[in-house]
């Protein structure tokens, strides 16, 4: 028997105009890599090479800190634990290295909490190495653990060979995965996230300012800068205004000033040029769905939950919307049974969907009813198997 599977292709029925994502014509950036993400939905609103592995430089430290947060959460580590600074950590990450440093000296015994501030605010390479050695025995072992943890969290692009983001062959992550990591940090560890907005941190007599250029911008509250000669200047940043949070990732800019300017511009676009639309069960009316071998030939259906879609205001237009049945809906049907998915397809993005459920019970036809249905079907010339007439599974 031939059944209707696509229900609607227009959106006027529920009064919603879906958003198309920003295209190159609407947003462009001189950054080599760029991503804008809506925090609430996790939707990627804009991407320029966002899924390509890139060199993150010190944005690596976001995962270093996150790994420590996770170990504290699991009870494997405490903020008050102390690690001893090795000669190697001092030489490769301290003042002798000429790189970003917390200013540690050999045989210092900072706490995990102090080291985390050294990582997050001061971008100290020495702090990263001390944590790595204290937790895993060596920096390569810690990097392997970080990479494994990232893969378990779904950050499949991660391949870290150190804890600092200093030059390392094959040390990469995508801009989209950095945005996802930012979301995980904010959502899972709200008790630690405010550390990313501290304007400075002092270890003994050495003070380092937070390098995040967006902390001066309204609503911005983290996360991390990065810079290497090979990667250019980068930033992962998040901001919240009027209850809406957006995250940007940029990388590959030529100067610190260019990074600051482009970060401010993209965050302004992220906040002002995109809008969230919600398709709720109360706002969309779906046609009844045919039921095979039921006492009623159709069943009313509705959305089981709202669908949230974010899009660029300048690109709002009709979206493709349809109800796709899981399979032929066959009696008996119980109220609340999932019968399919309501799918909103946005050009250039993965479809957004929500379950569709039956709004009434439909009993199965009795033997006589099925016989009559079989005769009617054959008279219409529809293709129906003997198994279907008996009510068997497809």
Protein backbone atom coordinates (compact mmCIF):
# COMPACT_ATOMS: atom_id res chain seq x y z
CA UNK A 1 0.00 0.00 0.00
CA UNK A 2 1.38 3.40 -0.92
CA UNK A 3 1.51 5.86 1.97
CA UNK A 4 2.13 9.59 2.20
CA UNK A 5 5.51 10.33 3.81
CA UNK A 6 6.26 14.04 3.22
CA UNK A 7 3.61 16.12 4.96
CA UNK A 8 4.35 19.80 4.32
CA UNK A 9 6.86 21.87 2.43
CA UNK A 10 5.67 25.36 3.41
CA UNK A 11 6.00 27.09 6.75
CA UNK A 12 3.06 29.49 6.60
CA UNK A 13 0.89 27.03 8.53
CA UNK A 14 2.73 27.76 11.76
CA UNK A 15 3.56 31.41 11.22
CA UNK A 16 7.32 30.89 11.35
CA UNK A 17 9.89 32.23 8.95
CA UNK A 18 12.97 30.08 9.33
CA UNK A 19 16.46 31.48 9.09
CA UNK A 20 19.11 30.63 6.61
CA UNK A 21 22.68 30.68 7.93
CA UNK A 22 25.00 33.51 7.08
CA UNK A 23 26.68 33.03 3.74
CA UNK A 24 29.91 34.51 2.47
CA UNK A 25 27.85 37.35 0.94
CA UNK A 26 26.51 38.32 4.38
CA UNK A 27 29.63 37.84 6.53
CA UNK A 28 33.27 37.69 5.61
CA UNK A 29 36.41 37.94 7.69
CA UNK A 30 40.13 38.31 7.09
CA UNK A 31 40.73 35.55 9.66
CA UNK A 32 41.90 32.30 8.11
CA UNK A 33 39.52 30.37 10.37
CA UNK A 34 36.34 31.67 11.98
CA UNK A 35 33.25 30.34 13.73
CA UNK A 36 30.22 31.92 15.37
CA UNK A 37 28.18 29.61 17.61
CA UNK A 38 24.90 30.11 19.44
CA UNK A 39 25.47 28.82 22.95
CA UNK A 40 21.91 27.78 23.82
CA UNK A 41 21.33 25.61 20.76
CA UNK A 42 24.94 24.80 19.90
CA UNK A 43 24.17 25.78 16.29
CA UNK A 44 27.05 26.98 14.16
CA UNK A 45 25.84 30.29 12.74
CA UNK A 46 28.87 31.05 10.62
CA UNK A 47 31.90 29.01 9.64
CA UNK A 48 34.97 29.74 7.60
CA UNK A 49 37.06 26.58 7.45
CA UNK A 50 35.57 25.84 10.85
CA UNK A 51 35.82 22.07 10.60
CA UNK A 52 39.45 22.03 9.38
CA UNK A 53 42.15 21.10 11.91
CA UNK A 54 44.34 24.14 12.68
CA UNK A 55 47.18 25.12 15.00
CA UNK A 56 45.51 26.57 18.12
CA UNK A 57 48.62 27.96 19.90
CA UNK A 58 47.69 28.91 23.48
CA UNK A 59 43.99 28.22 22.92
CA UNK A 60 45.23 24.69 23.69
CA UNK A 61 45.21 25.77 27.33
CA UNK A 62 41.40 25.69 27.34
CA UNK A 63 41.59 21.90 27.14
CA UNK A 64 44.48 21.76 29.62
CA UNK A 65 42.34 23.61 32.17
CA UNK A 66 39.20 21.62 31.28
CA UNK A 67 41.07 18.35 31.84
CA UNK A 68 42.11 19.54 35.31
CA UNK A 69 38.50 20.56 36.07
CA UNK A 70 37.36 17.07 35.06
CA UNK A 71 39.94 15.37 37.28
CA UNK A 72 38.90 17.53 40.23
CA UNK A 73 35.26 16.63 39.55
CA UNK A 74 36.17 12.92 39.52
CA UNK A 75 38.01 13.22 42.82
CA UNK A 76 41.41 12.41 41.29
CA UNK A 77 42.74 15.86 42.10
CA UNK A 78 42.17 18.75 44.52
CA UNK A 79 42.59 22.49 44.15
CA UNK A 80 44.83 22.41 47.21
CA UNK A 81 47.20 19.72 45.89
CA UNK A 82 50.73 21.00 45.34
CA UNK A 83 53.13 20.15 42.52
CA UNK A 84 56.85 20.84 42.44
CA UNK A 85 58.26 22.86 39.56
CA UNK A 86 60.84 20.83 37.67
CA UNK A 87 63.96 22.19 36.03
CA UNK A 88 62.48 21.23 32.66
CA UNK A 89 59.19 23.08 33.31
CA UNK A 90 61.15 26.19 34.31
CA UNK A 91 63.52 26.02 31.35
CA UNK A 92 60.84 25.35 28.70
CA UNK A 93 58.03 27.45 30.19
CA UNK A 94 59.56 29.89 32.65
CA UNK A 95 61.43 33.13 32.09
CA UNK A 96 64.37 31.41 30.34
CA UNK A 97 62.01 30.23 27.57
CA UNK A 98 61.07 33.74 26.45
CA UNK A 99 57.45 32.58 26.12
CA UNK A 100 54.27 33.29 28.11
CA UNK A 101 55.01 32.39 31.70
CA UNK A 102 53.61 32.35 35.21
CA UNK A 103 57.05 33.18 36.54
CA UNK A 104 57.62 29.91 38.41
CA UNK A 105 61.06 28.88 39.62
CA UNK A 106 62.55 25.41 40.10
CA UNK A 107 61.37 23.72 43.31
CA UNK A 108 58.44 26.12 43.76
CA UNK A 109 55.36 24.24 45.02
CA UNK A 110 52.26 26.06 43.75
CA UNK A 111 48.78 24.65 44.37
CA UNK A 112 46.60 23.32 41.57
CA UNK A 113 44.37 26.38 41.98
CA UNK A 114 47.34 28.73 41.59
CA UNK A 115 48.52 26.81 38.55
CA UNK A 116 45.07 27.03 36.96
CA UNK A 117 45.14 30.80 37.32
CA UNK A 118 48.61 30.69 35.81
CA UNK A 119 47.21 28.77 32.84
CA UNK A 120 43.97 30.71 32.34
CA UNK A 121 44.90 34.32 33.06
CA UNK A 122 48.69 34.41 32.69
CA UNK A 123 48.82 31.84 29.83
CA UNK A 124 51.84 30.39 31.59
CA UNK A 125 53.55 27.59 29.72
CA UNK A 126 55.41 26.67 32.90
CA UNK A 127 52.09 26.25 34.74
CA UNK A 128 50.84 23.89 32.02
CA UNK A 129 53.97 21.74 32.12
CA UNK A 130 53.93 21.55 35.94
CA UNK A 131 50.29 20.38 35.88
CA UNK A 132 51.01 17.87 33.11
CA UNK A 133 54.01 16.39 34.93
CA UNK A 134 52.23 16.36 38.29
CA UNK A 135 49.15 14.62 36.92
CA UNK A 136 50.53 12.22 34.32
CA UNK A 137 54.27 12.05 35.03
CA UNK A 138 55.23 13.69 31.74
CA UNK A 139 53.83 16.24 29.33
CA UNK A 140 53.45 13.75 26.42
CA UNK A 141 51.46 11.41 28.67
CA UNK A 142 49.20 14.26 29.76
CA UNK A 143 48.73 15.37 26.14
CA UNK A 144 47.69 11.83 25.22
CA UNK A 145 45.20 11.82 28.08
CA UNK A 146 43.80 15.19 26.99
CA UNK A 147 43.40 13.96 23.45
CA UNK A 148 41.61 10.81 24.56
CA UNK A 149 39.28 12.80 26.81
CA UNK A 150 38.51 15.19 23.96
CA UNK A 151 37.60 12.31 21.66
CA UNK A 152 35.32 10.84 24.34
CA UNK A 153 33.54 14.22 24.48
CA UNK A 154 33.05 14.22 20.71
CA UNK A 155 35.86 16.64 19.84
CA UNK A 156 37.19 14.40 17.12
CA UNK A 157 39.58 16.89 15.51
CA UNK A 158 41.81 17.13 18.59
CA UNK A 159 45.36 15.82 18.38
CA UNK A 160 47.46 17.45 21.08
CA UNK A 161 51.12 16.64 21.61
CA UNK A 162 51.70 19.08 24.48
CA UNK A 163 49.81 20.97 27.17
CA UNK A 164 50.92 24.48 26.20
CA UNK A 165 50.16 24.97 22.51
CA UNK A 166 53.81 25.62 21.72
CA UNK A 167 55.06 24.36 18.37
CA UNK A 168 54.48 20.63 17.99
CA UNK A 169 54.13 18.54 14.86
CA UNK A 170 50.51 17.51 14.31
CA UNK A 171 49.20 19.59 17.23
CA UNK A 172 45.73 20.58 15.96
CA UNK A 173 42.05 21.21 16.72
CA UNK A 174 39.26 22.71 14.61
CA UNK A 175 37.62 26.06 15.32
CA UNK A 176 34.26 24.33 15.70
CA UNK A 177 35.68 21.99 18.34
CA UNK A 178 37.15 24.98 20.19
CA UNK A 179 33.68 26.56 20.22
CA UNK A 180 32.20 23.30 21.53
CA UNK A 181 34.90 23.14 24.20
CA UNK A 182 34.01 26.68 25.26
CA UNK A 183 30.36 25.63 25.62
CA UNK A 184 31.34 22.57 27.68
CA UNK A 185 33.51 24.70 29.95
CA UNK A 186 30.73 27.21 30.58
CA UNK A 187 27.99 24.61 31.05
CA UNK A 188 29.86 22.02 33.12
CA UNK A 189 32.06 24.23 35.25
CA UNK A 190 30.27 27.51 36.06
CA UNK A 191 32.23 27.64 39.33
CA UNK A 192 35.51 27.97 37.44
CA UNK A 193 34.42 29.85 34.33
CA UNK A 194 34.58 33.31 36.01
CA UNK A 195 38.36 32.82 36.27
CA UNK A 196 38.50 33.43 32.50
CA UNK A 197 37.32 37.02 33.02
CA UNK A 198 39.85 38.01 35.70
CA UNK A 199 41.71 41.08 34.42
CA UNK A 200 45.06 39.95 35.85
CA UNK A 201 46.76 37.51 38.19
CA UNK A 202 49.83 37.84 40.39
CA UNK A 203 52.22 35.07 41.36
CA UNK A 204 54.48 36.41 44.09
CA UNK A 205 55.85 39.67 42.65
CA UNK A 206 54.99 38.94 39.01
CA UNK A 207 51.69 40.21 37.55
CA UNK A 208 50.36 39.34 34.11
CA UNK A 209 47.36 41.02 32.47
CA UNK A 210 44.68 38.95 30.78
CA UNK A 211 45.35 39.18 27.03
CA UNK A 212 41.72 38.71 25.95
CA UNK A 213 40.93 41.93 24.02
CA UNK A 214 37.17 41.42 24.30
CA UNK A 215 36.98 41.71 28.09
CA UNK A 216 36.46 45.45 27.54
CA UNK A 217 33.37 44.72 25.40
CA UNK A 218 29.97 44.60 27.09
CA UNK A 219 28.95 41.09 28.10
CA UNK A 220 32.26 39.39 27.22
CA UNK A 221 33.53 37.08 29.96
CA UNK A 222 36.17 34.68 28.49
CA UNK A 223 37.97 32.61 27.13
CA UNK A 224 41.52 32.39 25.62
CA UNK A 225 43.93 33.97 23.18
CA UNK A 226 46.62 32.23 21.16
CA UNK A 227 49.60 33.20 19.04
CA UNK A 228 52.47 31.49 17.26
CA UNK A 229 54.42 32.58 14.20
CA UNK A 230 53.00 29.56 12.38
CA UNK A 231 49.37 30.14 13.39
CA UNK A 232 48.98 33.90 13.59
CA UNK A 233 46.82 35.54 16.23
CA UNK A 234 43.72 33.73 17.45
CA UNK A 235 40.97 33.99 20.06
CA UNK A 236 38.12 31.95 21.46
CA UNK A 237 35.68 34.33 23.16
CA UNK A 238 32.20 34.21 24.64
CA UNK A 239 29.76 36.93 25.64
CA UNK A 240 26.24 37.19 27.03
CA UNK A 241 23.79 40.04 26.48
CA UNK A 242 20.13 40.11 27.47
CA UNK A 243 20.22 36.40 28.27
CA UNK A 244 21.70 35.43 24.90
CA UNK A 245 25.20 33.94 24.75
CA UNK A 246 27.29 33.67 21.62
CA UNK A 247 30.82 32.34 21.13
CA UNK A 248 33.32 33.22 18.43
CA UNK A 249 36.57 31.57 17.36
CA UNK A 250 39.08 33.29 15.07
CA UNK A 251 42.60 32.33 14.07
CA UNK A 252 45.26 33.31 11.56
CA UNK A 253 45.20 37.09 11.92
CA UNK A 254 48.45 39.00 11.25
CA UNK A 255 48.68 41.24 14.33
CA UNK A 256 47.40 41.64 17.86
CA UNK A 257 45.55 44.79 16.79
CA UNK A 258 43.89 42.95 13.88
CA UNK A 259 42.76 40.22 16.30
CA UNK A 260 41.23 42.76 18.68
CA UNK A 261 39.45 44.62 15.89
CA UNK A 262 38.08 41.51 14.18
CA UNK A 263 37.03 39.90 17.47
CA UNK A 264 35.01 42.97 18.41
CA UNK A 265 33.42 43.13 14.96
CA UNK A 266 32.45 39.45 14.81
CA UNK A 267 31.09 39.47 18.36
CA UNK A 268 28.98 42.53 17.52
CA UNK A 269 27.64 40.70 14.45
CA UNK A 270 27.05 37.57 16.52
CA UNK A 271 24.99 39.53 19.03
CA UNK A 272 23.11 41.93 16.78
CA UNK A 273 22.68 40.21 13.41
CA UNK A 274 21.32 36.82 14.48
CA UNK A 275 17.94 35.96 15.93
CA UNK A 276 16.46 32.92 17.63
CA UNK A 277 13.13 31.60 16.40
CA UNK A 278 11.15 28.89 18.16
CA UNK A 279 8.70 26.50 16.50
CA UNK A 280 6.47 25.24 19.30
CA UNK A 281 3.70 22.63 19.41
CA UNK A 282 1.25 25.48 19.92
CA UNK A 283 2.44 27.37 16.83
CA UNK A 284 2.44 24.65 14.19
CA UNK A 285 -0.56 22.71 12.91
CA UNK A 286 0.30 19.42 11.23
CA UNK A 287 -2.07 17.47 8.95
CA UNK A 288 -3.41 14.16 10.19
CA UNK A 289 -1.26 11.14 9.36
CA UNK A 290 -2.73 8.09 7.55
CA UNK A 291 -3.03 4.92 9.65
CA UNK A 292 -2.93 1.48 8.00
CA UNK A 293 -5.49 -1.04 9.24
CA UNK A 294 -6.93 1.31 11.84
CA UNK A 295 -10.53 1.86 12.89
CA UNK A 296 -9.83 5.50 11.94
CA UNK A 297 -7.99 6.08 8.71
CA UNK A 298 -5.93 8.97 10.10
CA UNK A 299 -4.57 10.18 13.43
CA UNK A 300 -3.92 13.78 14.54
CA UNK A 301 -0.29 14.51 15.37
CA UNK A 302 1.71 17.30 17.01
CA UNK A 303 5.27 18.30 17.84
CA UNK A 304 6.54 16.63 20.98
CA UNK A 305 8.84 19.56 21.83
CA UNK A 306 9.83 22.97 20.46
CA UNK A 307 12.48 23.41 17.78
CA UNK A 308 14.90 26.31 18.16
CA UNK A 309 16.50 27.76 15.05
CA UNK A 310 18.98 30.64 14.94
CA UNK A 311 19.69 32.58 11.79
CA UNK A 312 21.00 35.79 10.32
CA UNK A 313 18.30 38.46 10.24
CA UNK A 314 19.23 39.52 6.72
CA UNK A 315 18.84 35.96 5.44
CA UNK A 316 15.40 35.15 6.88
CA UNK A 317 13.29 33.44 4.24
CA UNK A 318 11.10 30.39 3.86
CA UNK A 319 12.66 27.21 5.11
CA UNK A 320 11.93 23.70 3.90
CA UNK A 321 9.76 21.98 6.49
CA UNK A 322 8.29 18.50 6.32
CA UNK A 323 7.09 15.67 8.46
CA UNK A 324 8.93 12.45 7.70
CA UNK A 325 7.32 9.26 9.00
CA UNK A 326 9.56 6.68 10.62
CA UNK A 327 7.69 4.01 8.62
CA UNK A 328 4.14 3.22 7.60
CA UNK A 329 1.99 4.11 10.62
CA UNK A 330 0.03 0.95 11.41
CA UNK A 331 -2.66 0.34 13.99
CA UNK A 332 -2.84 0.01 16.89
CA UNK A 333 -1.56 3.50 17.72
CA UNK A 334 -1.45 4.88 21.25
CA UNK A 335 -1.62 8.55 22.13
CA UNK A 336 1.94 9.77 22.63
CA UNK A 337 3.50 7.24 20.24
CA UNK A 338 6.29 8.73 18.12
CA UNK A 339 5.32 8.47 14.47
CA UNK A 340 8.00 10.56 12.78
CA UNK A 341 10.12 13.72 12.83
CA UNK A 342 9.31 17.30 11.93
CA UNK A 343 12.37 18.49 10.00
CA UNK A 344 13.32 22.08 9.26
CA UNK A 345 16.09 22.25 6.67
CA UNK A 346 18.23 25.36 6.54
CA UNK A 347 20.36 25.88 3.45
CA UNK A 348 23.98 25.03 4.20
CA UNK A 349 23.29 23.56 7.64
CA UNK A 350 22.30 20.22 9.07
CA UNK A 351 18.52 19.86 9.45
CA UNK A 352 16.94 20.74 12.79
CA UNK A 353 14.24 18.35 13.94
CA UNK A 354 11.90 17.31 16.73
CA UNK A 355 9.76 14.19 17.29
CA UNK A 356 6.15 14.12 16.15
CA UNK A 357 3.68 12.16 18.30
CA UNK A 358 0.15 10.82 17.91
CA UNK A 359 -2.55 12.85 19.64
CA UNK A 360 -5.13 10.03 19.87
CA UNK A 361 -5.50 6.27 20.15
CA UNK A 362 -6.36 4.33 17.00
CA UNK A 363 -7.50 0.74 17.45
CA UNK A 364 -6.70 -1.99 14.97
CA UNK A 365 -9.44 -3.17 12.63
CA UNK A 366 -11.08 -6.47 13.45
CA UNK A 367 -10.99 -9.48 11.10
CA UNK A 368 -14.02 -8.34 9.08
CA UNK A 369 -12.69 -4.81 8.81
CA UNK A 370 -9.32 -6.06 7.60
CA UNK A 371 -11.02 -8.28 5.01
CA UNK A 372 -13.05 -5.32 3.72
CA UNK A 373 -9.89 -3.18 3.69
CA UNK A 374 -8.10 -5.87 1.69
CA UNK A 375 -10.90 -6.06 -0.89
CA UNK A 376 -11.01 -2.24 -1.14
CA UNK A 377 -7.28 -2.12 -1.58
CA UNK A 378 -7.29 -4.67 -4.39
CA UNK A 379 -10.13 -2.83 -6.13
CA UNK A 380 -8.05 0.38 -5.96
CA UNK A 381 -5.10 -1.50 -7.42
CA UNK A 382 -2.72 -0.57 -4.57
CA UNK A 383 0.18 -2.87 -3.83
CA UNK A 384 -0.44 -4.67 -0.54
CA UNK A 385 1.33 -7.77 0.63
CA UNK A 386 -0.46 -10.71 2.20
CA UNK A 387 1.60 -10.05 5.33
CA UNK A 388 0.30 -6.48 5.55
CA UNK A 389 -3.33 -7.64 5.18
CA UNK A 390 -2.75 -9.99 8.08
CA UNK A 391 -1.40 -7.11 10.11
CA UNK A 392 2.19 -8.39 10.22
CA UNK A 393 5.27 -6.21 10.49
CA UNK A 394 6.86 -4.75 7.40
